[in-house]
Amino acid sequence: MADIIAVNVILQSHPRQALTRVVHSHGRISESLRTLEKNIQSNLKQIKQEINRAGRMYDEDPIGFVHRLFGIPYYGRDY
């Protein structure tokens, strides 16, 4: 409640400054959201690349892939 009273006082005494603060704050929030969106898109791209890489590794050597997945030593394609 005190925050609302403080905002009302600022708006009444200095409306131009209050508007500038709101606009500036909005700019920071929107910039942060844009950055967040770019980071999410980049991370999703990396995840898709890793999934494709894992699929290729599995296709090339399924048993070796499972051994690497669980950290079990495996030497070659001798099944």
C-alpha atoms as a PDB file:
ATOM      1  CA  MET A   1       0.000   0.000   0.000  1.00  0.00           C
ATOM      2  CA  ALA A   2       2.863   2.340   0.785  1.00  0.00           C
ATOM      3  CA  ASP A   3       4.211   1.822  -2.730  1.00  0.00           C
ATOM      4  CA  ILE A   4       0.918   2.930  -4.257  1.00  0.00           C
ATOM      5  CA  ILE A   5       0.863   6.064  -2.083  1.00  0.00           C
ATOM      6  CA  ALA A   6       4.472   6.830  -3.043  1.00  0.00           C
ATOM      7  CA  VAL A   7       3.648   6.448  -6.738  1.00  0.00           C
ATOM      8  CA  ASN A   8       0.640   8.746  -6.394  1.00  0.00           C
ATOM      9  CA  VAL A   9       2.755  11.389  -4.652  1.00  0.00           C
ATOM     10  CA  ILE A  10       5.400  11.203  -7.386  1.00  0.00           C
ATOM     11  CA  LEU A  11       2.763  11.385 -10.110  1.00  0.00           C
ATOM     12  CA  GLN A  12       1.132  14.423  -8.538  1.00  0.00           C
ATOM     13  CA  SER A  13       4.308  16.336  -7.759  1.00  0.00           C
ATOM     14  CA  HIS A  14       6.463  15.374 -10.771  1.00  0.00           C
ATOM     15  CA  PRO A  15       4.326  13.836 -13.526  1.00  0.00           C
ATOM     16  CA  ARG A  16       6.943  14.211 -16.271  1.00  0.00           C
ATOM     17  CA  GLN A  17       9.648  12.546 -14.199  1.00  0.00           C
ATOM     18  CA  ALA A  18       7.281   9.771 -13.207  1.00  0.00           C
ATOM     19  CA  LEU A  19       6.384   9.121 -16.836  1.00  0.00           C
ATOM     20  CA  THR A  20      10.059   9.070 -17.787  1.00  0.00           C
ATOM     21  CA  ARG A  21      10.757   6.522 -15.065  1.00  0.00           C
ATOM     22  CA  VAL A  22       7.902   4.305 -16.204  1.00  0.00           C
ATOM     23  CA  VAL A  23       9.025   4.453 -19.836  1.00  0.00           C
ATOM     24  CA  HIS A  24      12.634   3.755 -18.869  1.00  0.00           C
ATOM     25  CA  SER A  25      11.581   0.845 -16.657  1.00  0.00           C
ATOM     26  CA  HIS A  26       9.417  -0.547 -19.466  1.00  0.00           C
ATOM     27  CA  GLY A  27      12.395  -0.298 -21.831  1.00  0.00           C
ATOM     28  CA  ARG A  28      14.579  -2.306 -19.469  1.00  0.00           C
ATOM     29  CA  ILE A  29      11.923  -4.966 -19.014  1.00  0.00           C
ATOM     30  CA  SER A  30      11.295  -5.321 -22.734  1.00  0.00           C
ATOM     31  CA  GLU A  31      15.039  -5.481 -23.423  1.00  0.00           C
ATOM     32  CA  SER A  32      15.411  -8.173 -20.772  1.00  0.00           C
ATOM     33  CA  LEU A  33      12.565 -10.143 -22.347  1.00  0.00           C
ATOM     34  CA  ARG A  34      14.174  -9.854 -25.793  1.00  0.00           C
ATOM     35  CA  THR A  35      17.475 -11.117 -24.378  1.00  0.00           C
ATOM     36  CA  LEU A  36      15.686 -13.964 -22.624  1.00  0.00           C
ATOM     37  CA  GLU A  37      13.927 -14.940 -25.860  1.00  0.00           C
ATOM     38  CA  LYS A  38      17.211 -14.952 -27.797  1.00  0.00           C
ATOM     39  CA  ASN A  39      18.870 -17.091 -25.118  1.00  0.00           C
ATOM     40  CA  ILE A  40      16.001 -19.577 -25.153  1.00  0.00           C
ATOM     41  CA  GLN A  41      16.120 -19.823 -28.943  1.00  0.00           C
ATOM     42  CA  SER A  42      19.882 -20.337 -28.875  1.00  0.00           C
ATOM     43  CA  ASN A  43      19.631 -23.004 -26.173  1.00  0.00           C
ATOM     44  CA  LEU A  44      16.867 -24.835 -28.048  1.00  0.00           C
ATOM     45  CA  LYS A  45      19.029 -24.822 -31.170  1.00  0.00           C
ATOM     46  CA  GLN A  46      21.921 -26.332 -29.199  1.00  0.00           C
ATOM     47  CA  ILE A  47      19.631 -28.968 -27.690  1.00  0.00           C
ATOM     48  CA  LYS A  48      18.333 -29.950 -31.141  1.00  0.00           C
ATOM     49  CA  GLN A  49      21.914 -30.206 -32.432  1.00  0.00           C
ATOM     50  CA  GLU A  50      22.893 -32.453 -29.515  1.00  0.00           C
ATOM     51  CA  ILE A  51      19.833 -34.661 -30.066  1.00  0.00           C
ATOM     52  CA  ASN A  52      20.728 -35.005 -33.756  1.00  0.00           C
ATOM     53  CA  ARG A  53      24.340 -35.776 -32.817  1.00  0.00           C
ATOM     54  CA  ALA A  54      23.205 -38.463 -30.371  1.00  0.00           C
ATOM     55  CA  GLY A  55      20.958 -39.958 -33.057  1.00  0.00           C
ATOM     56  CA  ARG A  56      23.861 -40.151 -35.503  1.00  0.00           C
ATOM     57  CA  MET A  57      26.071 -41.745 -32.858  1.00  0.00           C
ATOM     58  CA  TYR A  58      23.363 -44.321 -32.134  1.00  0.00           C
ATOM     59  CA  ASP A  59      22.915 -45.066 -35.841  1.00  0.00           C
ATOM     60  CA  GLU A  60      26.670 -45.588 -36.297  1.00  0.00           C
ATOM     61  CA  ASP A  61      27.217 -47.853 -33.272  1.00  0.00           C
ATOM     62  CA  PRO A  62      24.125 -48.665 -31.156  1.00  0.00           C
ATOM     63  CA  ILE A  63      25.925 -50.836 -28.617  1.00  0.00           C
ATOM     64  CA  GLY A  64      28.789 -48.391 -28.258  1.00  0.00           C
ATOM     65  CA  PHE A  65      26.286 -45.582 -27.831  1.00  0.00           C
ATOM     66  CA  VAL A  66      24.539 -47.373 -24.958  1.00  0.00           C
ATOM     67  CA  HIS A  67      27.890 -48.151 -23.348  1.00  0.00           C
ATOM     68  CA  ARG A  68      28.907 -44.467 -23.547  1.00  0.00           C
ATOM     69  CA  LEU A  69      25.501 -43.387 -22.291  1.00  0.00           C
ATOM     70  CA  PHE A  70      25.910 -45.400 -19.089  1.00  0.00           C
ATOM     71  CA  GLY A  71      29.681 -44.948 -18.798  1.00  0.00           C
ATOM     72  CA  ILE A  72      30.534 -48.610 -19.318  1.00  0.00           C
ATOM     73  CA  PRO A  73      33.878 -49.296 -21.018  1.00  0.00           C
ATOM     74  CA  TYR A  74      33.496 -50.639 -24.546  1.00  0.00           C
ATOM     75  CA  TYR A  75      36.236 -51.422 -27.025  1.00  0.00           C
ATOM     76  CA  GLY A  76      35.144 -51.706 -30.626  1.00  0.00           C
ATOM     77  CA  ARG A  77      32.226 -53.213 -32.441  1.00  0.00           C
ATOM     78  CA  ASP A  78      32.776 -56.808 -31.314  1.00  0.00           C
ATOM     79  CA  TYR A  79      29.346 -57.737 -30.061  1.00  0.00           C
END
